[in-house]
Amino acid sequence: MLVQIADYDSAAPPQAAAKTAFKARAEVRHYPCDHFDVFEGNDWFEPCVGHAVSFLTRHLADKTVSAR
């Protein structure tokens, strides 16, 4: 599980997200921004998407092992 937290989020409390992430043993990424600053066209969009793609690649990449 990846939890991406906007540290200055006024829409979704970052403390609640951090607490949930800790309980779930999730990978956590913090961004020094507000909730909507990670939307396309804003400064934190690229880093946020990059971290999500990296996470998904690591966890969903084809890990098929030959049966031979």
C-alpha atoms as a PDB file:
ATOM      1  CA  MET A   1       0.000   0.000   0.000  1.00  0.00           C
ATOM      2  CA  LEU A   2       1.234   3.463  -0.890  1.00  0.00           C
ATOM      3  CA  VAL A   3      -0.046   6.448   1.062  1.00  0.00           C
ATOM      4  CA  GLN A   4       0.791   9.866  -0.342  1.00  0.00           C
ATOM      5  CA  ILE A   5       0.319  12.660   2.170  1.00  0.00           C
ATOM      6  CA  ALA A   6       0.067  16.379   1.495  1.00  0.00           C
ATOM      7  CA  ASP A   7       1.467  17.743   4.749  1.00  0.00           C
ATOM      8  CA  TYR A   8      -0.535  20.991   4.593  1.00  0.00           C
ATOM      9  CA  ASP A   9      -3.762  19.359   3.452  1.00  0.00           C
ATOM     10  CA  SER A  10      -6.819  21.339   4.517  1.00  0.00           C
ATOM     11  CA  ALA A  11      -9.310  18.852   3.002  1.00  0.00           C
ATOM     12  CA  ALA A  12      -8.055  15.531   4.429  1.00  0.00           C
ATOM     13  CA  PRO A  13      -6.158  15.660   7.733  1.00  0.00           C
ATOM     14  CA  PRO A  14      -2.567  14.509   7.152  1.00  0.00           C
ATOM     15  CA  GLN A  15      -2.314  13.172  10.709  1.00  0.00           C
ATOM     16  CA  ALA A  16      -5.162  10.741  10.058  1.00  0.00           C
ATOM     17  CA  ALA A  17      -3.534   9.544   6.842  1.00  0.00           C
ATOM     18  CA  ALA A  18      -0.197   9.060   8.603  1.00  0.00           C
ATOM     19  CA  LYS A  19      -1.814   7.120  11.447  1.00  0.00           C
ATOM     20  CA  THR A  20      -3.651   4.850   9.017  1.00  0.00           C
ATOM     21  CA  ALA A  21      -0.512   4.325   6.944  1.00  0.00           C
ATOM     22  CA  PHE A  22       1.455   3.360  10.048  1.00  0.00           C
ATOM     23  CA  LYS A  23      -1.168   0.816  11.101  1.00  0.00           C
ATOM     24  CA  ALA A  24      -1.224  -0.647   7.586  1.00  0.00           C
ATOM     25  CA  ARG A  25       2.585  -0.700   7.377  1.00  0.00           C
ATOM     26  CA  ALA A  26       2.251   1.234   4.151  1.00  0.00           C
ATOM     27  CA  GLU A  27       4.956   2.953   2.181  1.00  0.00           C
ATOM     28  CA  VAL A  28       4.524   6.663   2.841  1.00  0.00           C
ATOM     29  CA  ARG A  29       5.462   9.680   0.749  1.00  0.00           C
ATOM     30  CA  HIS A  30       5.130  13.187   2.151  1.00  0.00           C
ATOM     31  CA  TYR A  31       4.721  16.307   0.045  1.00  0.00           C
ATOM     32  CA  PRO A  32       5.029  19.843   1.466  1.00  0.00           C
ATOM     33  CA  CYS A  33       1.805  21.039  -0.132  1.00  0.00           C
ATOM     34  CA  ASP A  34      -1.985  21.279   0.141  1.00  0.00           C
ATOM     35  CA  HIS A  35      -4.530  18.715  -1.048  1.00  0.00           C
ATOM     36  CA  PHE A  36      -5.025  20.025  -4.577  1.00  0.00           C
ATOM     37  CA  ASP A  37      -1.356  20.885  -5.191  1.00  0.00           C
ATOM     38  CA  VAL A  38      -0.804  17.334  -6.459  1.00  0.00           C
ATOM     39  CA  PHE A  39      -3.337  17.742  -9.277  1.00  0.00           C
ATOM     40  CA  GLU A  40      -2.209  18.048 -12.897  1.00  0.00           C
ATOM     41  CA  GLY A  41      -0.785  21.466 -13.682  1.00  0.00           C
ATOM     42  CA  ASN A  42       0.519  22.047 -10.167  1.00  0.00           C
ATOM     43  CA  ASP A  43       4.077  21.789  -8.842  1.00  0.00           C
ATOM     44  CA  TRP A  44       3.678  18.503  -6.972  1.00  0.00           C
ATOM     45  CA  PHE A  45       1.866  16.579  -9.716  1.00  0.00           C
ATOM     46  CA  GLU A  46       4.971  15.128 -11.385  1.00  0.00           C
ATOM     47  CA  PRO A  47       6.721  13.987  -8.179  1.00  0.00           C
ATOM     48  CA  CYS A  48       3.505  12.459  -6.856  1.00  0.00           C
ATOM     49  CA  VAL A  49       2.753  10.558 -10.059  1.00  0.00           C
ATOM     50  CA  GLY A  50       6.395   9.508 -10.365  1.00  0.00           C
ATOM     51  CA  HIS A  51       6.334   7.971  -6.900  1.00  0.00           C
ATOM     52  CA  ALA A  52       3.046   6.203  -7.653  1.00  0.00           C
ATOM     53  CA  VAL A  53       4.394   4.777 -10.923  1.00  0.00           C
ATOM     54  CA  SER A  54       7.570   3.631  -9.178  1.00  0.00           C
ATOM     55  CA  PHE A  55       5.543   1.939  -6.437  1.00  0.00           C
ATOM     56  CA  LEU A  56       3.242   0.205  -8.917  1.00  0.00           C
ATOM     57  CA  THR A  57       6.147  -0.904 -11.088  1.00  0.00           C
ATOM     58  CA  ARG A  58       7.913  -2.454  -8.103  1.00  0.00           C
ATOM     59  CA  HIS A  59       4.820  -4.271  -6.885  1.00  0.00           C
ATOM     60  CA  LEU A  60       3.020  -5.174 -10.093  1.00  0.00           C
ATOM     61  CA  ALA A  61       5.880  -5.859 -12.490  1.00  0.00           C
ATOM     62  CA  ASP A  62       5.891  -9.302 -14.067  1.00  0.00           C
ATOM     63  CA  LYS A  63       7.682 -11.517 -11.570  1.00  0.00           C
ATOM     64  CA  THR A  64       6.991 -14.766 -13.364  1.00  0.00           C
ATOM     65  CA  VAL A  65       9.580 -17.414 -12.594  1.00  0.00           C
ATOM     66  CA  SER A  66      10.300 -20.196 -15.042  1.00  0.00           C
ATOM     67  CA  ALA A  67       9.037 -23.595 -13.858  1.00  0.00           C
ATOM     68  CA  ARG A  68      12.123 -25.313 -15.263  1.00  0.00           C
END
